[in-house]
Amino acid sequence: MAGGNKLTHIGESGEAHMVDVGGKTETERVAIAEGYVKMAPETLAAIRAGDASKGDVIGTARLAGIMAAKKTSELIPLCHPLMLTKVSVDITEQPDLPGLRIEALAKLSGKTGVEMEALTAVSVACLTIYDMAKAIDKAMEITGVKLISKSGGKSGDWQRTRDSK
């Protein structure tokens, strides 16, 4: 395991449990995640032009990602319900991919991190893009979903590097 840390959600007998964060100090916590949806150039052009039959792909995916971040504790069994102070989802064209890059930021002042909320926002935004454009391109590929950075908490700040695993 990275840095010699042990898994915090697994008890001595191997049973899963929710971590008690009651004794932790409240700090500002921010996490940024990213992901990509690769697609045919024609699909990207159709999304850009607003020609997808289901409507505004990028706007809908942005809202879906924000909503998903707020529902993370209902989707991931051992996540704590959080009072997020900010969630943003930015979707940008990547013509060289070709496709779209999705970046989500989750923020709060609290006792536990927001990495899962940022990753959930990216994942659901990617899935929404696929759902809305699949009539045009069923071969789209969701790829590269990962944490880019996190700050706050006892473990401190972390930034992905090229060598990060």
Protein backbone atom coordinates (compact mmCIF):
# COMPACT_ATOMS: atom_id res chain seq x y z
CA MET A 1 0.00 0.00 0.00
CA ALA A 2 1.14 3.53 -0.73
CA GLY A 3 3.11 5.09 2.09
CA GLY A 4 2.55 2.06 4.37
CA ASN A 5 -0.99 3.17 5.22
CA LYS A 6 -3.59 0.59 6.15
CA LEU A 7 -7.15 0.46 4.88
CA THR A 8 -9.37 2.55 7.17
CA HIS A 9 -12.72 0.97 6.27
CA ILE A 10 -11.71 -2.61 7.13
CA GLY A 11 -11.80 -3.95 10.69
CA GLU A 12 -9.37 -6.45 12.21
CA SER A 13 -11.59 -9.36 11.14
CA GLY A 14 -11.97 -8.04 7.60
CA GLU A 15 -15.45 -6.56 8.06
CA ALA A 16 -16.31 -3.27 6.35
CA HIS A 17 -17.33 -0.32 8.52
CA MET A 18 -17.79 3.42 8.34
CA VAL A 19 -14.86 5.35 9.79
CA ASP A 20 -15.64 7.46 12.87
CA VAL A 21 -14.58 11.01 11.98
CA GLY A 22 -16.02 12.54 15.18
CA GLY A 23 -12.61 13.27 16.70
CA LYS A 24 -11.13 14.83 13.57
CA THR A 25 -10.52 18.56 13.22
CA GLU A 26 -12.62 20.51 10.75
CA THR A 27 -10.51 21.90 7.91
CA GLU A 28 -11.22 23.24 4.46
CA ARG A 29 -11.04 20.33 2.06
CA VAL A 30 -10.92 20.48 -1.71
CA ALA A 31 -10.63 17.69 -4.27
CA ILE A 32 -10.32 17.88 -8.04
CA ALA A 33 -10.91 14.91 -10.35
CA GLU A 34 -10.95 14.48 -14.12
CA GLY A 35 -12.14 12.09 -16.78
CA TYR A 36 -12.53 11.92 -20.55
CA VAL A 37 -15.09 10.76 -23.07
CA LYS A 38 -13.45 9.77 -26.35
CA MET A 39 -15.70 9.93 -29.39
CA ALA A 40 -15.72 10.22 -33.16
CA PRO A 41 -14.99 13.72 -34.48
CA GLU A 42 -18.53 13.80 -35.94
CA THR A 43 -20.00 13.14 -32.49
CA LEU A 44 -18.00 15.98 -30.97
CA ALA A 45 -19.18 18.26 -33.79
CA ALA A 46 -22.81 17.25 -33.19
CA ILE A 47 -22.51 17.94 -29.46
CA ARG A 48 -20.88 21.31 -30.18
CA ALA A 49 -23.66 22.21 -32.64
CA GLY A 50 -26.40 21.11 -30.23
CA ASP A 51 -27.57 18.42 -32.65
CA ALA A 52 -27.94 15.56 -30.14
CA SER A 53 -31.55 14.36 -30.14
CA LYS A 54 -31.73 14.45 -26.32
CA GLY A 55 -30.75 18.15 -26.11
CA ASP A 56 -27.91 20.10 -24.46
CA VAL A 57 -25.35 17.37 -23.74
CA ILE A 58 -22.77 19.53 -21.96
CA GLY A 59 -25.25 21.49 -19.83
CA THR A 60 -27.10 18.35 -18.81
CA ALA A 61 -23.87 16.50 -17.99
CA ARG A 62 -22.67 19.42 -15.86
CA LEU A 63 -25.91 19.36 -13.82
CA ALA A 64 -25.82 15.57 -13.53
CA GLY A 65 -22.27 15.72 -12.15
CA ILE A 66 -23.20 18.35 -9.56
CA MET A 67 -26.27 16.35 -8.50
CA ALA A 68 -24.20 13.16 -8.27
CA ALA A 69 -21.60 14.77 -5.99
CA LYS A 70 -24.40 15.69 -3.60
CA LYS A 71 -25.67 12.07 -3.62
CA THR A 72 -22.29 10.33 -3.19
CA SER A 73 -23.06 8.93 0.27
CA GLU A 74 -26.19 7.28 -1.17
CA LEU A 75 -24.16 5.62 -3.95
CA ILE A 76 -20.93 4.61 -2.20
CA PRO A 77 -21.78 2.51 0.88
CA LEU A 78 -19.22 3.77 3.42
CA CYS A 79 -19.09 7.46 2.45
CA HIS A 80 -20.29 10.04 4.96
CA PRO A 81 -23.12 12.41 4.03
CA LEU A 82 -21.46 15.80 3.56
CA MET A 83 -22.52 19.43 3.53
CA LEU A 84 -20.67 20.48 0.39
CA THR A 85 -20.04 24.20 0.06
CA LYS A 86 -19.10 24.04 -3.61
CA VAL A 87 -19.27 21.65 -6.52
CA SER A 88 -18.26 22.67 -10.01
CA VAL A 89 -18.09 20.61 -13.18
CA ASP A 90 -16.25 21.99 -16.19
CA ILE A 91 -16.49 20.28 -19.57
CA THR A 92 -14.08 21.27 -22.32
CA GLU A 93 -13.51 20.08 -25.85
CA GLN A 94 -10.39 18.05 -26.55
CA PRO A 95 -10.18 18.00 -30.38
CA ASP A 96 -6.96 15.95 -30.32
CA LEU A 97 -8.67 13.15 -28.31
CA PRO A 98 -11.23 13.69 -29.94
CA GLY A 99 -13.78 14.16 -27.18
CA LEU A 100 -14.51 15.96 -23.97
CA ARG A 101 -12.54 16.48 -20.75
CA ILE A 102 -14.56 16.65 -17.56
CA GLU A 103 -13.12 18.23 -14.41
CA ALA A 104 -14.96 18.38 -11.10
CA LEU A 105 -14.13 20.27 -7.94
CA ALA A 106 -15.73 19.47 -4.58
CA LYS A 107 -15.21 21.62 -1.49
CA LEU A 108 -16.31 21.83 2.13
CA SER A 109 -15.21 22.72 5.61
CA GLY A 110 -15.45 19.48 7.53
CA LYS A 111 -13.96 16.38 9.12
CA THR A 112 -13.63 14.14 6.07
CA GLY A 113 -12.37 14.52 2.52
CA VAL A 114 -14.30 15.13 -0.69
CA GLU A 115 -12.32 12.95 -3.10
CA MET A 116 -15.23 10.57 -3.65
CA GLU A 117 -17.60 13.45 -4.36
CA ALA A 118 -15.28 14.85 -7.06
CA LEU A 119 -14.77 11.39 -8.59
CA THR A 120 -18.51 10.67 -8.52
CA ALA A 121 -19.26 14.00 -10.20
CA VAL A 122 -16.80 13.22 -13.02
CA SER A 123 -18.05 9.65 -13.44
CA VAL A 124 -21.73 10.59 -13.67
CA ALA A 125 -21.02 13.52 -15.99
CA CYS A 126 -19.13 11.11 -18.30
CA LEU A 127 -21.99 8.60 -18.16
CA THR A 128 -24.50 11.35 -18.96
CA ILE A 129 -22.49 12.43 -22.01
CA TYR A 130 -22.47 8.81 -23.18
CA ASP A 131 -26.20 8.41 -22.57
CA MET A 132 -27.13 11.58 -24.41
CA ALA A 133 -24.91 10.94 -27.44
CA LYS A 134 -25.08 7.15 -27.76
CA ALA A 135 -27.63 7.41 -30.57
CA ILE A 136 -24.87 9.04 -32.63
CA ASP A 137 -21.86 7.03 -31.39
CA LYS A 138 -22.15 3.81 -29.38
CA ALA A 139 -18.35 3.34 -29.56
CA MET A 140 -17.60 6.27 -27.22
CA GLU A 141 -15.15 5.42 -24.46
CA ILE A 142 -15.04 6.74 -20.90
CA THR A 143 -11.43 6.88 -19.79
CA GLY A 144 -8.91 8.42 -17.44
CA VAL A 145 -11.15 8.99 -14.41
CA LYS A 146 -8.79 9.92 -11.61
CA LEU A 147 -8.09 12.20 -8.69
CA ILE A 148 -5.92 15.16 -9.67
CA SER A 149 -5.43 16.78 -6.27
CA LYS A 150 -6.76 17.02 -2.74
CA SER A 151 -6.09 19.40 0.09
CA GLY A 152 -6.91 19.58 3.78
CA GLY A 153 -7.17 17.06 6.54
CA LYS A 154 -4.62 15.12 8.55
CA SER A 155 -2.98 13.58 5.49
CA GLY A 156 -2.37 17.04 4.02
CA ASP A 157 -2.18 18.06 0.41
CA TRP A 158 -1.64 15.69 -2.51
CA GLN A 159 -1.07 16.46 -6.19
CA ARG A 160 -0.95 13.90 -8.99
CA THR A 161 2.38 13.69 -10.75
CA ARG A 162 3.31 11.74 -13.85
CA ASP A 163 4.65 9.02 -11.57
CA SER A 164 1.51 8.83 -9.36
CA LYS A 165 -0.14 5.43 -9.35
